[in-house]
Amino acid sequence: MSLITGAENAAATVNSSIHELPGLMKQWMKLQEEMAVLNAEVKQRRTQSKAMRDMILRIMDANKLATLNVSKGSVVHKVREVKETMSQDYLMKHCKEFFQGDEDKAKQLVVYLEEHRAATLKHDLRILPSSGGSDSGSR
């Protein structure tokens, strides 16, 4: 029984497959080009989807609709609160304001920062599985 170390095995693999490198590189480069094209298409579709979502949300808001029944289920207008990010500027601003040379209040800092984080409302649409019904909107 012969034992091959990891380094010897890696060297053998590299030596035996070096002739495959040009073909692998060609395939890899082709995949990279295809992915770039697909990513561009995905980006365009995301932009279109966001524009349509925003229009749907405006119409739902104007008509006070929270749910639309569709053939695939229900489209629900969700509103959620999103807190402001804790950026370096945010932390510096509130640390300077909070600490006035008293390091004993360090434990209170986390509570203070949480209380002063700004929150905004985000609107989104979600498709829920169908439980049967019509395609009319409901609140």
N, C-alpha and C. Protein backbone atom coordinates (compact mmCIF):
# COMPACT_ATOMS: atom_id res chain seq x y z
N MET A 1 0.85 -1.17 0.00
CA MET A 1 0.00 0.00 0.00
C MET A 1 0.89 1.23 0.00
N SER A 2 0.60 2.16 -0.88
CA SER A 2 1.42 3.35 -0.96
C SER A 2 0.62 4.55 -0.48
N LEU A 3 1.26 5.37 0.31
CA LEU A 3 0.61 6.57 0.82
C LEU A 3 1.11 7.77 0.02
N ILE A 4 0.20 8.55 -0.50
CA ILE A 4 0.54 9.74 -1.26
C ILE A 4 0.15 10.95 -0.42
N THR A 5 1.10 11.83 -0.21
CA THR A 5 0.81 13.03 0.59
C THR A 5 -0.04 13.99 -0.23
N GLY A 6 -0.64 14.94 0.45
CA GLY A 6 -1.47 15.93 -0.21
C GLY A 6 -0.69 16.72 -1.25
N ALA A 7 0.56 17.07 -0.94
CA ALA A 7 1.39 17.84 -1.87
C ALA A 7 1.71 17.02 -3.11
N GLU A 8 2.03 15.72 -2.91
CA GLU A 8 2.34 14.86 -4.06
C GLU A 8 1.10 14.67 -4.93
N ASN A 9 -0.06 14.50 -4.30
CA ASN A 9 -1.30 14.32 -5.03
C ASN A 9 -1.62 15.59 -5.83
N ALA A 10 -1.45 16.76 -5.22
CA ALA A 10 -1.70 18.02 -5.90
C ALA A 10 -0.76 18.20 -7.08
N ALA A 11 0.51 17.86 -6.89
CA ALA A 11 1.49 17.98 -7.98
C ALA A 11 1.13 17.05 -9.12
N ALA A 12 0.72 15.83 -8.81
CA ALA A 12 0.33 14.87 -9.84
C ALA A 12 -0.89 15.38 -10.61
N THR A 13 -1.85 15.95 -9.90
CA THR A 13 -3.04 16.48 -10.54
C THR A 13 -2.69 17.64 -11.45
N VAL A 14 -1.82 18.54 -10.99
CA VAL A 14 -1.42 19.69 -11.79
C VAL A 14 -0.68 19.22 -13.03
N ASN A 15 0.25 18.27 -12.89
CA ASN A 15 1.03 17.80 -14.03
C ASN A 15 0.16 17.07 -15.04
N SER A 16 -0.77 16.27 -14.56
CA SER A 16 -1.59 15.50 -15.49
C SER A 16 -2.66 16.35 -16.16
N SER A 17 -3.03 17.49 -15.57
CA SER A 17 -4.10 18.28 -16.16
C SER A 17 -3.62 19.59 -16.77
N ILE A 18 -2.33 19.83 -16.80
CA ILE A 18 -1.83 21.10 -17.36
C ILE A 18 -2.19 21.21 -18.83
N HIS A 19 -2.25 20.07 -19.51
CA HIS A 19 -2.61 20.11 -20.93
C HIS A 19 -4.09 20.47 -21.12
N GLU A 20 -4.90 20.32 -20.07
CA GLU A 20 -6.31 20.68 -20.12
C GLU A 20 -6.55 22.17 -19.89
N LEU A 21 -5.54 22.87 -19.41
CA LEU A 21 -5.69 24.27 -19.03
C LEU A 21 -6.21 25.16 -20.15
N PRO A 22 -5.66 25.11 -21.38
CA PRO A 22 -6.19 25.99 -22.42
C PRO A 22 -7.69 25.77 -22.70
N GLY A 23 -8.11 24.51 -22.73
CA GLY A 23 -9.53 24.23 -22.96
C GLY A 23 -10.39 24.71 -21.81
N LEU A 24 -9.93 24.48 -20.57
CA LEU A 24 -10.66 24.96 -19.40
C LEU A 24 -10.76 26.48 -19.39
N MET A 25 -9.66 27.14 -19.74
CA MET A 25 -9.66 28.62 -19.78
C MET A 25 -10.66 29.12 -20.81
N LYS A 26 -10.69 28.47 -21.97
CA LYS A 26 -11.60 28.88 -23.04
C LYS A 26 -13.05 28.72 -22.58
N GLN A 27 -13.36 27.57 -21.95
CA GLN A 27 -14.72 27.34 -21.45
C GLN A 27 -15.08 28.34 -20.35
N TRP A 28 -14.14 28.59 -19.45
CA TRP A 28 -14.38 29.52 -18.35
C TRP A 28 -14.65 30.93 -18.88
N MET A 29 -13.84 31.36 -19.84
CA MET A 29 -14.02 32.70 -20.40
C MET A 29 -15.38 32.80 -21.11
N LYS A 30 -15.79 31.74 -21.80
CA LYS A 30 -17.09 31.74 -22.47
C LYS A 30 -18.20 31.86 -21.44
N LEU A 31 -18.08 31.11 -20.33
CA LEU A 31 -19.08 31.20 -19.26
C LEU A 31 -19.11 32.61 -18.66
N GLN A 32 -17.96 33.22 -18.48
CA GLN A 32 -17.91 34.58 -17.93
C GLN A 32 -18.64 35.55 -18.85
N GLU A 33 -18.42 35.41 -20.17
CA GLU A 33 -19.11 36.29 -21.12
C GLU A 33 -20.62 36.05 -21.09
N GLU A 34 -21.03 34.78 -21.04
CA GLU A 34 -22.46 34.47 -20.98
C GLU A 34 -23.08 35.02 -19.71
N MET A 35 -22.37 34.90 -18.58
CA MET A 35 -22.90 35.42 -17.31
C MET A 35 -23.01 36.94 -17.35
N ALA A 36 -22.07 37.61 -18.02
CA ALA A 36 -22.14 39.06 -18.12
C ALA A 36 -23.39 39.48 -18.89
N VAL A 37 -23.69 38.75 -19.97
CA VAL A 37 -24.89 39.05 -20.75
C VAL A 37 -26.15 38.79 -19.92
N LEU A 38 -26.17 37.64 -19.24
CA LEU A 38 -27.33 37.30 -18.40
C LEU A 38 -27.50 38.30 -17.26
N ASN A 39 -26.40 38.71 -16.64
CA ASN A 39 -26.48 39.69 -15.55
C ASN A 39 -27.03 41.02 -16.05
N ALA A 40 -26.66 41.41 -17.26
CA ALA A 40 -27.18 42.66 -17.83
C ALA A 40 -28.69 42.54 -18.05
N GLU A 41 -29.13 41.37 -18.53
CA GLU A 41 -30.57 41.15 -18.71
C GLU A 41 -31.30 41.16 -17.37
N VAL A 42 -30.71 40.52 -16.37
CA VAL A 42 -31.33 40.50 -15.04
C VAL A 42 -31.44 41.92 -14.49
N LYS A 43 -30.39 42.72 -14.67
CA LYS A 43 -30.40 44.10 -14.18
C LYS A 43 -31.53 44.88 -14.85
N GLN A 44 -31.68 44.69 -16.17
CA GLN A 44 -32.74 45.39 -16.90
C GLN A 44 -34.11 44.94 -16.40
N ARG A 45 -34.29 43.66 -16.17
CA ARG A 45 -35.57 43.15 -15.69
C ARG A 45 -35.86 43.64 -14.27
N ARG A 46 -34.83 43.73 -13.44
CA ARG A 46 -35.04 44.26 -12.08
C ARG A 46 -35.51 45.70 -12.14
N THR A 47 -34.92 46.49 -13.04
CA THR A 47 -35.31 47.89 -13.20
C THR A 47 -36.77 47.97 -13.64
N GLN A 48 -37.15 47.15 -14.62
CA GLN A 48 -38.54 47.13 -15.09
C GLN A 48 -39.48 46.68 -13.97
N SER A 49 -39.09 45.66 -13.23
CA SER A 49 -39.91 45.14 -12.15
C SER A 49 -40.12 46.20 -11.08
N LYS A 50 -39.05 46.93 -10.73
CA LYS A 50 -39.16 47.97 -9.71
C LYS A 50 -40.11 49.07 -10.17
N ALA A 51 -40.01 49.47 -11.44
CA ALA A 51 -40.89 50.52 -11.96
C ALA A 51 -42.35 50.06 -11.92
N MET A 52 -42.59 48.81 -12.32
CA MET A 52 -43.96 48.29 -12.29
C MET A 52 -44.46 48.16 -10.86
N ARG A 53 -43.60 47.68 -9.95
CA ARG A 53 -43.98 47.54 -8.54
C ARG A 53 -44.37 48.90 -7.97
N ASP A 54 -43.58 49.92 -8.28
CA ASP A 54 -43.87 51.26 -7.76
C ASP A 54 -45.21 51.78 -8.29
N MET A 55 -45.50 51.52 -9.57
CA MET A 55 -46.79 51.94 -10.14
C MET A 55 -47.93 51.19 -9.47
N ILE A 56 -47.78 49.87 -9.29
CA ILE A 56 -48.81 49.06 -8.63
C ILE A 56 -49.04 49.56 -7.21
N LEU A 57 -47.96 49.85 -6.48
CA LEU A 57 -48.09 50.34 -5.10
C LEU A 57 -48.82 51.67 -5.05
N ARG A 58 -48.51 52.57 -5.99
CA ARG A 58 -49.21 53.87 -6.03
C ARG A 58 -50.71 53.67 -6.28
N ILE A 59 -51.06 52.78 -7.21
CA ILE A 59 -52.46 52.53 -7.51
C ILE A 59 -53.15 51.88 -6.31
N MET A 60 -52.48 50.91 -5.69
CA MET A 60 -53.07 50.26 -4.51
C MET A 60 -53.26 51.27 -3.38
N ASP A 61 -52.27 52.15 -3.16
CA ASP A 61 -52.40 53.18 -2.12
C ASP A 61 -53.55 54.12 -2.43
N ALA A 62 -53.64 54.57 -3.69
CA ALA A 62 -54.68 55.52 -4.07
C ALA A 62 -56.07 54.93 -3.90
N ASN A 63 -56.18 53.62 -4.09
CA ASN A 63 -57.47 52.95 -4.00
C ASN A 63 -57.65 52.21 -2.67
N LYS A 64 -56.73 52.42 -1.75
CA LYS A 64 -56.77 51.82 -0.42
C LYS A 64 -56.94 50.30 -0.48
N LEU A 65 -56.12 49.67 -1.32
CA LEU A 65 -56.12 48.21 -1.47
C LEU A 65 -54.90 47.63 -0.78
N ALA A 66 -55.10 46.67 0.10
CA ALA A 66 -53.98 46.01 0.77
C ALA A 66 -53.66 44.68 0.11
N THR A 67 -54.65 44.09 -0.58
CA THR A 67 -54.48 42.77 -1.17
C THR A 67 -55.17 42.74 -2.53
N LEU A 68 -54.52 42.10 -3.49
CA LEU A 68 -55.12 41.85 -4.79
C LEU A 68 -55.11 40.35 -5.03
N ASN A 69 -56.25 39.79 -5.30
CA ASN A 69 -56.31 38.37 -5.63
C ASN A 69 -55.99 38.19 -7.10
N VAL A 70 -55.06 37.31 -7.40
CA VAL A 70 -54.67 37.01 -8.77
C VAL A 70 -54.71 35.50 -8.96
N SER A 71 -54.53 35.05 -10.19
CA SER A 71 -54.65 33.62 -10.46
C SER A 71 -53.63 32.77 -9.70
N LYS A 72 -52.48 33.33 -9.37
CA LYS A 72 -51.45 32.58 -8.65
C LYS A 72 -51.52 32.74 -7.14
N GLY A 73 -52.52 33.45 -6.65
CA GLY A 73 -52.65 33.66 -5.22
C GLY A 73 -53.08 35.08 -4.92
N SER A 74 -52.40 35.70 -3.96
CA SER A 74 -52.71 37.07 -3.56
C SER A 74 -51.44 37.90 -3.59
N VAL A 75 -51.56 39.14 -4.05
CA VAL A 75 -50.47 40.10 -3.98
C VAL A 75 -50.80 41.00 -2.80
N VAL A 76 -49.90 41.02 -1.82
CA VAL A 76 -50.14 41.75 -0.58
C VAL A 76 -49.20 42.95 -0.51
N HIS A 77 -49.77 44.11 -0.20
CA HIS A 77 -48.98 45.32 0.01
C HIS A 77 -48.52 45.31 1.46
N LYS A 78 -47.22 45.09 1.65
CA LYS A 78 -46.67 45.05 3.00
C LYS A 78 -45.92 46.35 3.28
N VAL A 79 -46.03 46.81 4.49
CA VAL A 79 -45.27 47.98 4.95
C VAL A 79 -44.45 47.51 6.13
N ARG A 80 -43.15 47.77 6.08
CA ARG A 80 -42.30 47.38 7.19
C ARG A 80 -41.38 48.54 7.55
N GLU A 81 -41.00 48.55 8.79
CA GLU A 81 -40.12 49.60 9.29
C GLU A 81 -38.67 49.15 9.13
N VAL A 82 -37.84 50.02 8.57
CA VAL A 82 -36.43 49.72 8.37
C VAL A 82 -35.62 50.77 9.12
N LYS A 83 -34.76 50.31 9.98
CA LYS A 83 -33.97 51.24 10.80
C LYS A 83 -32.78 51.79 10.00
N GLU A 84 -32.38 53.00 10.38
CA GLU A 84 -31.22 53.65 9.79
C GLU A 84 -29.98 52.79 10.04
N THR A 85 -29.07 52.77 9.08
CA THR A 85 -27.85 51.98 9.25
C THR A 85 -26.95 52.61 10.30
N MET A 86 -26.16 51.77 10.95
CA MET A 86 -25.21 52.25 11.95
C MET A 86 -23.87 52.49 11.26
N SER A 87 -23.80 53.57 10.51
CA SER A 87 -22.57 53.91 9.80
C SER A 87 -21.55 54.52 10.76
N GLN A 88 -20.34 54.67 10.28
CA GLN A 88 -19.28 55.28 11.09
C GLN A 88 -19.67 56.70 11.49
N ASP A 89 -20.25 57.46 10.56
CA ASP A 89 -20.68 58.83 10.85
C ASP A 89 -21.76 58.83 11.93
N TYR A 90 -22.69 57.91 11.82
CA TYR A 90 -23.77 57.81 12.81
C TYR A 90 -23.20 57.54 14.20
N LEU A 91 -22.31 56.54 14.29
CA LEU A 91 -21.73 56.19 15.58
C LEU A 91 -20.92 57.35 16.16
N MET A 92 -20.11 58.00 15.33
CA MET A 92 -19.29 59.12 15.81
C MET A 92 -20.18 60.27 16.31
N LYS A 93 -21.20 60.58 15.56
CA LYS A 93 -22.10 61.68 15.94
C LYS A 93 -22.73 61.44 17.31
N HIS A 94 -23.26 60.25 17.50
CA HIS A 94 -23.97 59.98 18.75
C HIS A 94 -23.03 59.68 19.91
N CYS A 95 -21.86 59.14 19.64
CA CYS A 95 -20.87 58.93 20.71
C CYS A 95 -20.39 60.27 21.24
N LYS A 96 -20.10 61.21 20.36
CA LYS A 96 -19.66 62.54 20.78
C LYS A 96 -20.75 63.22 21.61
N GLU A 97 -21.99 63.03 21.19
CA GLU A 97 -23.11 63.62 21.91
C GLU A 97 -23.35 62.94 23.25
N PHE A 98 -23.23 61.63 23.28
CA PHE A 98 -23.57 60.86 24.47
C PHE A 98 -22.49 60.92 25.54
N PHE A 99 -21.23 60.67 25.15
CA PHE A 99 -20.13 60.65 26.12
C PHE A 99 -19.64 62.06 26.38
N GLN A 100 -19.70 62.44 27.61
CA GLN A 100 -19.17 63.73 28.01
C GLN A 100 -18.08 63.47 29.05
N GLY A 101 -17.20 62.54 28.71
CA GLY A 101 -16.10 62.18 29.59
C GLY A 101 -16.45 61.14 30.64
N ASP A 102 -17.69 60.70 30.68
CA ASP A 102 -18.12 59.73 31.69
C ASP A 102 -18.19 58.34 31.05
N GLU A 103 -17.12 57.54 31.31
CA GLU A 103 -17.06 56.21 30.71
C GLU A 103 -17.96 55.20 31.42
N ASP A 104 -18.47 55.55 32.61
CA ASP A 104 -19.37 54.64 33.33
C ASP A 104 -20.70 54.45 32.60
N LYS A 105 -21.00 55.36 31.71
CA LYS A 105 -22.27 55.27 30.98
C LYS A 105 -22.12 54.46 29.68
N ALA A 106 -21.00 53.78 29.52
CA ALA A 106 -20.76 53.03 28.27
C ALA A 106 -21.82 51.96 28.03
N LYS A 107 -22.29 51.34 29.10
CA LYS A 107 -23.31 50.30 28.95
C LYS A 107 -24.63 50.87 28.44
N GLN A 108 -24.87 52.13 28.72
CA GLN A 108 -26.10 52.77 28.27
C GLN A 108 -26.04 53.15 26.78
N LEU A 109 -24.86 53.10 26.19
CA LEU A 109 -24.68 53.52 24.80
C LEU A 109 -25.53 52.72 23.83
N VAL A 110 -25.57 51.41 23.98
CA VAL A 110 -26.34 50.58 23.06
C VAL A 110 -27.81 50.96 23.09
N VAL A 111 -28.34 51.18 24.28
CA VAL A 111 -29.75 51.57 24.41
C VAL A 111 -29.97 52.94 23.77
N TYR A 112 -29.07 53.84 24.04
CA TYR A 112 -29.17 55.19 23.49
C TYR A 112 -29.17 55.16 21.96
N LEU A 113 -28.23 54.43 21.37
CA LEU A 113 -28.15 54.36 19.91
C LEU A 113 -29.41 53.74 19.31
N GLU A 114 -29.91 52.69 19.93
CA GLU A 114 -31.12 52.04 19.42
C GLU A 114 -32.32 53.00 19.47
N GLU A 115 -32.41 53.79 20.53
CA GLU A 115 -33.53 54.72 20.66
C GLU A 115 -33.47 55.86 19.64
N HIS A 116 -32.27 56.19 19.16
CA HIS A 116 -32.11 57.32 18.26
C HIS A 116 -31.92 56.93 16.79
N ARG A 117 -32.05 55.65 16.48
CA ARG A 117 -31.98 55.23 15.08
C ARG A 117 -33.25 55.64 14.36
N ALA A 118 -33.08 56.31 13.24
CA ALA A 118 -34.25 56.70 12.44
C ALA A 118 -34.82 55.47 11.75
N ALA A 119 -36.11 55.45 11.59
CA ALA A 119 -36.77 54.34 10.92
C ALA A 119 -37.63 54.88 9.78
N THR A 120 -37.65 54.16 8.70
CA THR A 120 -38.48 54.53 7.57
C THR A 120 -39.39 53.36 7.22
N LEU A 121 -40.44 53.65 6.50
CA LEU A 121 -41.37 52.60 6.07
C LEU A 121 -41.02 52.20 4.65
N LYS A 122 -40.90 50.91 4.41
CA LYS A 122 -40.62 50.37 3.08
C LYS A 122 -41.87 49.66 2.57
N HIS A 123 -42.18 49.86 1.31
CA HIS A 123 -43.34 49.24 0.69
C HIS A 123 -42.87 48.17 -0.28
N ASP A 124 -43.55 47.04 -0.30
CA ASP A 124 -43.17 45.95 -1.18
C ASP A 124 -44.41 45.13 -1.53
N LEU A 125 -44.27 44.27 -2.52
CA LEU A 125 -45.34 43.36 -2.91
C LEU A 125 -44.86 41.94 -2.70
N ARG A 126 -45.79 41.05 -2.35
CA ARG A 126 -45.45 39.65 -2.16
C ARG A 126 -46.57 38.80 -2.72
N ILE A 127 -46.23 37.74 -3.42
CA ILE A 127 -47.22 36.82 -3.94
C ILE A 127 -47.41 35.71 -2.92
N LEU A 128 -48.65 35.53 -2.47
CA LEU A 128 -48.98 34.46 -1.53
C LEU A 128 -49.68 33.34 -2.30
N PRO A 129 -49.47 32.10 -1.91
CA PRO A 129 -50.11 30.97 -2.59
C PRO A 129 -51.62 31.11 -2.60
N SER A 130 -52.23 30.66 -3.69
CA SER A 130 -53.67 30.77 -3.87
C SER A 130 -54.42 29.78 -2.98
N SER A 131 -55.52 30.25 -2.42
CA SER A 131 -56.40 29.37 -1.67
C SER A 131 -57.77 29.36 -2.33
N GLY A 132 -57.79 29.76 -3.61
CA GLY A 132 -59.04 29.85 -4.34
C GLY A 132 -59.64 31.22 -4.22
N GLY A 133 -60.35 31.65 -5.22
CA GLY A 133 -60.98 32.96 -5.17
C GLY A 133 -60.93 33.63 -6.51
N SER A 134 -61.39 34.87 -6.55
CA SER A 134 -61.45 35.62 -7.82
C SER A 134 -60.25 36.53 -7.95
N ASP A 135 -60.17 37.25 -9.06
CA ASP A 135 -59.06 38.15 -9.33
C ASP A 135 -59.37 39.57 -8.93
N SER A 136 -60.35 39.80 -8.08
CA SER A 136 -60.71 41.16 -7.67
C SER A 136 -59.86 41.58 -6.46
N GLY A 137 -59.70 42.87 -6.34
CA GLY A 137 -58.92 43.39 -5.23
C GLY A 137 -59.75 43.45 -3.97
N SER A 138 -59.08 43.34 -2.83
CA SER A 138 -59.79 43.47 -1.55
C SER A 138 -58.89 44.16 -0.55
N ARG A 139 -59.43 44.63 0.52
CA ARG A 139 -58.67 45.35 1.55
C ARG A 139 -58.38 44.43 2.69
